[in-house]
Amino acid sequence: MALLPLLNISIPGVLPTPTYQPGALAMLSLAMVFSALALSYNMLLGTGGMLSFGHALYFGAGAYGLGIILANLGVPLWPGVVLALVGGLAIAFVTGAISMRVTGIPFAMVTLAFAQAGSVLVRRNSSITGGEEGLSLETDHVPDFLVGVANTRNLYWLTLALLVVVYLVALWVDRSRLGHLASAARENELRLRVLGLEPNRAKLVLFLIAAVSASLAGVGYILLQSGTVPRAVSADLTITVLVMVVLGGVGYRWGAILGGFLYTVLDQRLTVLAGSEAIESLPSVLRVPLSEPLFLLGTLFILVVMFLPGGIAGTVQSWWARRSGGRPRDELGELEDDAEEVLEPAETRRS
C-alpha cells in the first residue's frame, strides 16, 4: 500500500485514475479513513459485543474538534490533533459512563440519543461549526505538504499511517487482558459478576479506546477533505459503518478493513455509474433502481446477510478451514477461547 503512489497501476472500473494520480489516491485515502473507523467500531461490536448507534459522534468529535481548534486557538497542527483526541476522549467518557448503565438494545438507544444530540448541536451552532454547510479546515496552521491536490500523495501516506495505528491498537486490545475480559463479558456477563469480576470497567475502557480511535479517523477525514459536514456526527454514518463491519465480517480485523474499502469504493464508483449514458439508456424499470447507488449497496448488504452470514472474512475463514480439514480458527474464536481462560482461573480461585 505504501508503494502504490510510486507505481502506475490502472484498474478500470475500480480506480478512477492510475495509482500515482490524485484521483485514485484520494479515493483510496478515503477508503482507509473509513476502514480505520470500521476497525474502531469492530472493537465495540466484535470484541465487546456492544451495538452502538452513536459511534460517529466520536468520529465527528475528532473532525470538528480539530477544525474548531485550528480556527480559534491558532495552535499548530500536531498539538491541535492531540487536543482534538483529548476532546473526543472526554466526550466518550461522559457519554460512555452514562450509556454503560444499560445493556443490549437500551444501550444502543442511549448511544443513538447522544449521536442525535451531537448532530443537533453541530447544525444549530453555525457560528462555530458552520451549521448545515459544514466546517472548512483552517490551513494557515497546517504544514504545506498536507495542503492541496498536489500533496494528495502525502495525505495518502498519512491516512495509511492512521490506519496502521488503529490496527495496532485493535490488535493490542484483542490480545490483552482487557480484550479477554471484554469478550468474556460478551459471552456471559452474569457469570463474570458471580465470580467477583467487574466487566463494566473493562467495557468502559474498551469503549474509550474505540472512541479515541474513531476520533483519530475523524482527524484524518478533515485533513483529507479539507473540511467536514454534519453527517460526520450523525447516526446515519454509524449505520454505514455497521454495514461495513457486517460486510467484512464481525470480529475480524482484516474483515473490517476489507468492508471499509469495499463499501467506500462501491459508493464512489456506483455514483459515477449511476450518471453514465449506459444507465440513462435503459428502460425506466431498470434505470430508476440502477441510478440509485444506495439501492445497489442495500441489495448487496441483503445478499451478504442471507448467503454469507459470517461476512466475507468469516466465509473465507470457514472455506479455508474446510479445505485444510481443521476447525475454523478466527479472531472471534480466539477471543472466545481467551474468555474461557479468564473465566476458568477465576472459578478455580473462587472454589
Protein backbone atom coordinates (compact mmCIF):
# COMPACT_ATOMS: atom_id res chain seq x y z
CA MET A 1 0.00 0.00 0.00
CA ALA A 2 2.84 2.39 0.80
CA LEU A 3 4.33 1.88 -2.66
CA LEU A 4 1.11 2.49 -4.63
CA PRO A 5 1.69 6.26 -5.08
CA LEU A 6 5.01 5.42 -6.75
CA LEU A 7 3.52 2.90 -9.18
CA ASN A 8 1.48 3.23 -12.37
CA ILE A 9 -1.30 0.69 -11.84
CA SER A 10 -4.67 1.06 -13.54
CA ILE A 11 -7.78 -0.91 -12.57
CA PRO A 12 -10.60 0.13 -14.95
CA GLY A 13 -13.99 0.38 -13.28
CA VAL A 14 -12.44 0.41 -9.80
CA LEU A 15 -9.92 3.23 -9.71
CA PRO A 16 -10.76 6.48 -11.49
CA THR A 17 -7.12 7.09 -12.46
CA PRO A 18 -3.76 5.30 -12.29
CA THR A 19 -2.49 4.87 -8.73
CA TYR A 20 0.10 7.64 -8.93
CA GLN A 21 -2.50 10.31 -9.75
CA PRO A 22 -4.56 12.31 -7.21
CA GLY A 23 -7.94 10.83 -8.22
CA ALA A 24 -7.09 7.26 -7.23
CA LEU A 25 -5.05 8.32 -4.20
CA ALA A 26 -7.89 10.46 -2.85
CA MET A 27 -10.40 7.61 -3.14
CA LEU A 28 -8.02 5.10 -1.54
CA SER A 29 -7.24 7.58 1.24
CA LEU A 30 -10.95 7.99 1.98
CA ALA A 31 -11.31 4.19 1.99
CA MET A 32 -8.50 3.93 4.57
CA VAL A 33 -10.14 6.56 6.78
CA PHE A 34 -13.40 4.62 6.83
CA SER A 35 -11.52 1.34 7.28
CA ALA A 36 -9.94 2.81 10.41
CA LEU A 37 -13.39 3.89 11.59
CA ALA A 38 -14.76 0.39 10.89
CA LEU A 39 -11.86 -1.12 12.85
CA SER A 40 -12.69 1.07 15.83
CA TYR A 41 -16.34 0.02 15.63
CA ASN A 42 -15.31 -3.62 15.39
CA MET A 43 -13.65 -3.23 18.80
CA LEU A 44 -17.06 -2.41 20.24
CA LEU A 45 -19.18 -4.92 18.35
CA GLY A 46 -16.73 -7.73 17.64
CA THR A 47 -14.69 -7.71 20.85
CA GLY A 48 -17.09 -6.26 23.41
CA GLY A 49 -20.42 -7.21 21.84
CA MET A 50 -21.68 -3.62 22.24
CA LEU A 51 -24.08 -2.50 19.49
CA SER A 52 -23.75 1.29 19.32
CA PHE A 53 -25.70 3.66 17.09
CA GLY A 54 -23.68 6.68 18.19
CA HIS A 55 -20.10 5.81 17.27
CA ALA A 56 -19.99 8.53 14.62
CA LEU A 57 -20.20 11.09 17.44
CA TYR A 58 -16.54 10.45 18.26
CA PHE A 59 -15.53 10.46 14.60
CA GLY A 60 -17.16 13.86 14.33
CA ALA A 61 -15.53 14.98 17.57
CA GLY A 62 -12.12 14.39 16.00
CA ALA A 63 -13.02 16.10 12.73
CA TYR A 64 -14.91 19.08 14.15
CA GLY A 65 -12.62 19.30 17.16
CA LEU A 66 -9.51 19.74 15.04
CA GLY A 67 -11.26 22.21 12.73
CA ILE A 68 -12.53 24.36 15.62
CA ILE A 69 -9.18 24.26 17.45
CA LEU A 70 -7.19 25.34 14.38
CA ALA A 71 -9.69 28.09 13.58
CA ASN A 72 -9.98 29.57 17.08
CA LEU A 73 -6.89 28.70 19.12
CA GLY A 74 -4.25 29.25 16.45
CA VAL A 75 -2.14 26.28 17.56
CA PRO A 76 -0.01 24.22 15.12
CA LEU A 77 -1.45 21.07 13.60
CA TRP A 78 0.06 18.39 15.82
CA PRO A 79 -0.83 19.99 19.18
CA GLY A 80 -4.27 20.58 17.67
CA VAL A 81 -4.57 16.86 16.87
CA VAL A 82 -3.69 15.99 20.48
CA LEU A 83 -6.28 18.44 21.81
CA ALA A 84 -8.91 17.04 19.43
CA LEU A 85 -8.22 13.49 20.63
CA VAL A 86 -8.41 14.62 24.26
CA GLY A 87 -11.74 16.28 23.50
CA GLY A 88 -13.02 13.09 21.88
CA LEU A 89 -11.87 11.12 24.93
CA ALA A 90 -13.68 13.49 27.29
CA ILE A 91 -16.92 13.24 25.31
CA ALA A 92 -16.59 9.45 25.20
CA PHE A 93 -16.00 9.24 28.96
CA VAL A 94 -19.14 11.22 29.78
CA THR A 95 -21.40 9.52 27.23
CA GLY A 96 -19.88 6.08 27.83
CA ALA A 97 -20.25 6.24 31.61
CA ILE A 98 -23.95 7.02 31.16
CA SER A 99 -24.54 4.51 28.36
CA MET A 100 -22.87 1.68 30.29
CA ARG A 101 -25.63 1.79 32.89
CA VAL A 102 -27.73 -0.28 30.48
CA THR A 103 -27.00 -3.09 28.05
CA GLY A 104 -28.36 -4.54 24.82
CA ILE A 105 -30.99 -2.57 22.93
CA PRO A 106 -31.31 0.12 25.65
CA PHE A 107 -27.56 0.73 25.28
CA ALA A 108 -27.97 1.14 21.53
CA MET A 109 -30.85 3.58 22.04
CA VAL A 110 -28.90 5.70 24.54
CA THR A 111 -25.93 5.96 22.17
CA LEU A 112 -28.34 6.87 19.38
CA ALA A 113 -29.75 9.68 21.55
CA PHE A 114 -26.26 11.06 22.17
CA ALA A 115 -25.49 10.96 18.43
CA GLN A 116 -28.70 12.82 17.64
CA ALA A 117 -27.91 15.42 20.30
CA GLY A 118 -24.44 15.91 18.82
CA SER A 119 -25.92 16.29 15.35
CA VAL A 120 -28.37 18.95 16.60
CA LEU A 121 -25.57 20.88 18.33
CA VAL A 122 -23.48 20.85 15.17
CA ARG A 123 -26.33 22.00 12.95
CA ARG A 124 -27.61 24.72 15.31
CA ASN A 125 -24.26 26.37 16.21
CA SER A 126 -23.39 27.66 12.77
CA SER A 127 -21.06 30.36 14.14
CA ILE A 128 -18.73 27.64 15.48
CA THR A 129 -19.38 24.56 13.37
CA GLY A 130 -20.58 26.09 10.10
CA GLY A 131 -24.07 24.60 10.50
CA GLU A 132 -25.56 22.74 7.56
CA GLU A 133 -22.79 23.90 5.23
CA GLY A 134 -20.10 22.25 7.30
CA LEU A 135 -16.76 23.46 8.62
CA SER A 136 -13.81 24.27 6.39
CA LEU A 137 -10.29 23.42 7.51
CA GLU A 138 -8.17 26.40 8.52
CA THR A 139 -5.00 25.66 6.54
CA ASP A 140 -2.84 28.51 7.93
CA HIS A 141 -1.60 26.22 10.70
CA VAL A 142 -1.38 23.06 8.59
CA PRO A 143 2.02 22.17 7.06
CA ASP A 144 2.21 22.96 3.36
CA PHE A 145 2.99 19.35 2.45
CA LEU A 146 -0.52 18.36 3.63
CA VAL A 147 -2.45 21.04 1.75
CA GLY A 148 -3.76 20.95 -1.80
CA VAL A 149 -4.35 18.41 -4.56
CA ALA A 150 -0.63 18.42 -5.38
CA ASN A 151 0.04 16.87 -1.95
CA THR A 152 -2.54 14.09 -2.19
CA ARG A 153 0.31 11.59 -2.10
CA ASN A 154 1.38 12.86 1.35
CA LEU A 155 -2.21 12.75 2.60
CA TYR A 156 -2.42 9.18 1.31
CA TRP A 157 0.61 8.16 3.36
CA LEU A 158 -0.80 9.99 6.39
CA THR A 159 -4.12 8.13 6.23
CA LEU A 160 -2.25 4.86 5.72
CA ALA A 161 -0.26 5.60 8.89
CA LEU A 162 -3.50 6.33 10.77
CA LEU A 163 -4.96 3.01 9.61
CA VAL A 164 -1.85 1.15 10.76
CA VAL A 165 -2.01 2.85 14.17
CA VAL A 166 -5.69 1.93 14.65
CA TYR A 167 -4.98 -1.63 13.52
CA LEU A 168 -2.14 -2.00 16.03
CA VAL A 169 -4.40 -0.64 18.77
CA ALA A 170 -7.11 -3.16 17.82
CA LEU A 171 -4.54 -5.96 17.76
CA TRP A 172 -3.25 -4.98 21.21
CA VAL A 173 -6.79 -4.81 22.60
CA ASP A 174 -7.70 -8.26 21.29
CA ARG A 175 -4.54 -9.82 22.75
CA SER A 176 -4.57 -8.01 26.08
CA ARG A 177 -6.30 -8.99 29.30
CA LEU A 178 -8.68 -6.09 28.68
CA GLY A 179 -9.87 -7.65 25.44
CA HIS A 180 -10.12 -11.10 27.05
CA LEU A 181 -12.26 -9.71 29.86
CA ALA A 182 -14.46 -7.72 27.47
CA SER A 183 -15.02 -10.79 25.28
CA ALA A 184 -15.82 -12.84 28.39
CA ALA A 185 -18.44 -10.22 29.31
CA ARG A 186 -19.83 -10.51 25.80
CA GLU A 187 -20.25 -14.26 26.23
CA ASN A 188 -21.66 -14.28 29.78
CA GLU A 189 -21.60 -11.08 31.82
CA LEU A 190 -23.64 -12.55 34.67
CA ARG A 191 -21.09 -15.33 35.09
CA LEU A 192 -18.33 -12.76 35.45
CA ARG A 193 -20.25 -10.88 38.12
CA VAL A 194 -20.88 -14.09 40.07
CA LEU A 195 -17.13 -14.73 40.01
CA GLY A 196 -16.47 -11.31 41.51
CA LEU A 197 -15.11 -9.66 38.36
CA GLU A 198 -16.11 -6.18 37.17
CA PRO A 199 -16.91 -6.31 33.43
CA ASN A 200 -18.26 -2.75 33.26
CA ARG A 201 -14.85 -1.25 33.93
CA ALA A 202 -13.27 -3.26 31.12
CA LYS A 203 -16.11 -2.42 28.75
CA LEU A 204 -15.82 1.29 29.56
CA VAL A 205 -12.08 1.27 28.87
CA LEU A 206 -12.73 -0.57 25.60
CA PHE A 207 -15.40 1.99 24.76
CA LEU A 208 -12.92 4.84 25.35
CA ILE A 209 -10.19 3.21 23.24
CA ALA A 210 -12.63 2.65 20.36
CA ALA A 211 -13.87 6.24 20.64
CA VAL A 212 -10.36 7.73 20.54
CA SER A 213 -9.55 5.53 17.54
CA ALA A 214 -12.67 6.87 15.82
CA SER A 215 -11.59 10.44 16.67
CA LEU A 216 -8.21 9.73 15.08
CA ALA A 217 -10.02 8.61 11.93
CA GLY A 218 -12.00 11.86 12.08
CA VAL A 219 -8.75 13.83 12.18
CA GLY A 220 -7.64 12.06 9.02
CA TYR A 221 -11.01 12.79 7.41
CA ILE A 222 -10.92 16.56 7.89
CA LEU A 223 -7.31 16.76 6.70
CA LEU A 224 -8.14 14.71 3.61
CA GLN A 225 -11.38 16.50 2.75
CA SER A 226 -10.20 19.98 3.89
CA GLY A 227 -13.37 20.21 5.93
CA THR A 228 -16.23 18.23 7.43
CA VAL A 229 -20.03 18.14 7.31
CA PRO A 230 -22.82 17.41 9.85
CA ARG A 231 -23.17 13.83 8.59
CA ALA A 232 -19.84 13.12 10.30
CA VAL A 233 -21.63 13.09 13.68
CA SER A 234 -24.95 11.57 12.60
CA ALA A 235 -26.38 8.16 13.36
CA ASP A 236 -26.57 7.59 9.59
CA LEU A 237 -22.78 7.34 9.46
CA THR A 238 -22.76 4.85 12.34
CA ILE A 239 -25.22 2.65 10.44
CA THR A 240 -22.99 2.92 7.37
CA VAL A 241 -20.01 1.79 9.44
CA LEU A 242 -22.08 -1.06 10.87
CA VAL A 243 -22.79 -2.17 7.29
CA MET A 244 -19.05 -2.05 6.56
CA VAL A 245 -18.28 -4.29 9.56
CA VAL A 246 -21.06 -6.76 8.74
CA LEU A 247 -19.97 -6.94 5.08
CA GLY A 248 -16.38 -7.64 6.08
CA GLY A 249 -17.24 -9.93 8.97
CA VAL A 250 -17.91 -9.06 12.61
CA GLY A 251 -14.97 -9.97 14.83
CA TYR A 252 -12.35 -9.93 12.08
CA ARG A 253 -9.84 -7.10 12.00
CA TRP A 254 -8.98 -7.63 8.34
CA GLY A 255 -12.69 -8.06 7.64
CA ALA A 256 -13.40 -4.56 8.99
CA ILE A 257 -10.66 -3.13 6.76
CA LEU A 258 -12.00 -5.04 3.74
CA GLY A 259 -15.54 -3.91 4.47
CA GLY A 260 -14.44 -0.27 4.73
CA PHE A 261 -12.59 -0.47 1.42
CA LEU A 262 -15.35 -2.34 -0.38
CA TYR A 263 -18.15 -0.03 0.75
CA THR A 264 -16.20 3.16 0.00
CA VAL A 265 -15.07 2.05 -3.45
CA LEU A 266 -18.56 0.84 -4.37
CA ASP A 267 -20.15 4.04 -3.09
CA GLN A 268 -17.76 6.17 -5.12
CA ARG A 269 -17.85 4.15 -8.32
CA LEU A 270 -21.58 3.39 -8.30
CA THR A 271 -22.26 7.12 -8.06
CA VAL A 272 -20.27 7.58 -11.28
CA LEU A 273 -22.02 4.61 -12.88
CA ALA A 274 -25.46 5.99 -11.96
CA GLY A 275 -24.90 9.04 -14.13
CA SER A 276 -23.44 7.19 -17.11
CA GLU A 277 -25.05 7.05 -20.54
CA ALA A 278 -25.37 3.26 -20.29
CA ILE A 279 -27.75 3.59 -17.33
CA GLU A 280 -29.64 6.52 -18.87
CA SER A 281 -30.41 4.47 -21.99
CA LEU A 282 -32.08 1.64 -20.04
CA PRO A 283 -35.86 1.26 -19.66
CA SER A 284 -37.28 3.09 -16.65
CA VAL A 285 -37.95 -0.16 -14.77
CA LEU A 286 -34.19 -0.76 -14.71
CA ARG A 287 -32.89 2.82 -14.92
CA VAL A 288 -34.57 4.06 -11.72
CA PRO A 289 -33.14 1.45 -9.29
CA LEU A 290 -29.74 1.27 -11.00
CA SER A 291 -29.36 5.04 -10.84
CA GLU A 292 -29.52 4.91 -7.03
CA PRO A 293 -26.19 3.76 -5.51
CA LEU A 294 -27.81 3.19 -2.10
CA PHE A 295 -30.27 0.76 -3.68
CA LEU A 296 -27.42 -1.32 -5.08
CA LEU A 297 -25.46 -1.18 -1.83
CA GLY A 298 -28.57 -2.18 0.11
CA THR A 299 -29.12 -5.13 -2.22
CA LEU A 300 -25.52 -6.22 -1.75
CA PHE A 301 -25.92 -5.99 2.03
CA ILE A 302 -29.05 -8.15 1.94
CA LEU A 303 -27.31 -10.77 -0.19
CA VAL A 304 -24.31 -10.90 2.15
CA VAL A 305 -26.52 -11.26 5.25
CA MET A 306 -28.58 -14.00 3.60
CA PHE A 307 -25.87 -16.07 1.93
CA LEU A 308 -22.66 -15.04 3.75
CA PRO A 309 -23.80 -14.69 7.39
CA GLY A 310 -20.21 -14.55 8.62
CA GLY A 311 -19.37 -11.76 6.22
CA ILE A 312 -16.64 -12.00 3.62
CA ALA A 313 -13.90 -12.72 6.16
CA GLY A 314 -15.96 -15.34 8.01
CA THR A 315 -16.86 -17.12 4.79
CA VAL A 316 -13.25 -17.17 3.61
CA GLN A 317 -12.09 -18.43 7.00
CA SER A 318 -14.68 -21.23 7.05
CA TRP A 319 -13.84 -22.24 3.48
CA TRP A 320 -10.14 -22.36 4.29
CA ALA A 321 -10.78 -24.43 7.41
CA ARG A 322 -12.87 -26.95 5.48
CA ARG A 323 -10.23 -27.19 2.79
CA SER A 324 -7.43 -27.73 5.31
CA GLY A 325 -9.54 -30.24 7.26
CA GLY A 326 -9.23 -28.35 10.54
CA ARG A 327 -11.50 -26.43 12.86
CA PRO A 328 -12.19 -22.82 11.84
CA ARG A 329 -9.83 -20.51 13.72
CA ASP A 330 -10.83 -16.90 13.51
CA GLU A 331 -10.14 -13.84 15.59
CA LEU A 332 -13.55 -14.06 17.25
CA GLY A 333 -13.00 -17.72 18.09
CA GLU A 334 -9.64 -16.90 19.63
CA LEU A 335 -11.33 -14.25 21.77
CA GLU A 336 -13.89 -16.81 22.93
CA ASP A 337 -11.10 -19.18 23.96
CA ASP A 338 -9.34 -16.32 25.75
CA ALA A 339 -12.59 -15.54 27.54
CA GLU A 340 -12.67 -19.08 28.85
CA GLU A 341 -9.09 -18.66 30.02
CA VAL A 342 -10.21 -15.64 32.03
CA LEU A 343 -13.27 -17.37 33.47
CA GLU A 344 -11.75 -20.72 34.42
CA PRO A 345 -8.93 -19.40 36.69
CA ALA A 346 -11.47 -17.08 38.32
CA GLU A 347 -13.74 -20.03 39.06
CA THR A 348 -10.80 -22.00 40.42
CA ARG A 349 -9.81 -19.15 42.75
CA ARG A 350 -13.40 -18.80 43.94
CA SER A 351 -13.65 -22.55 44.61
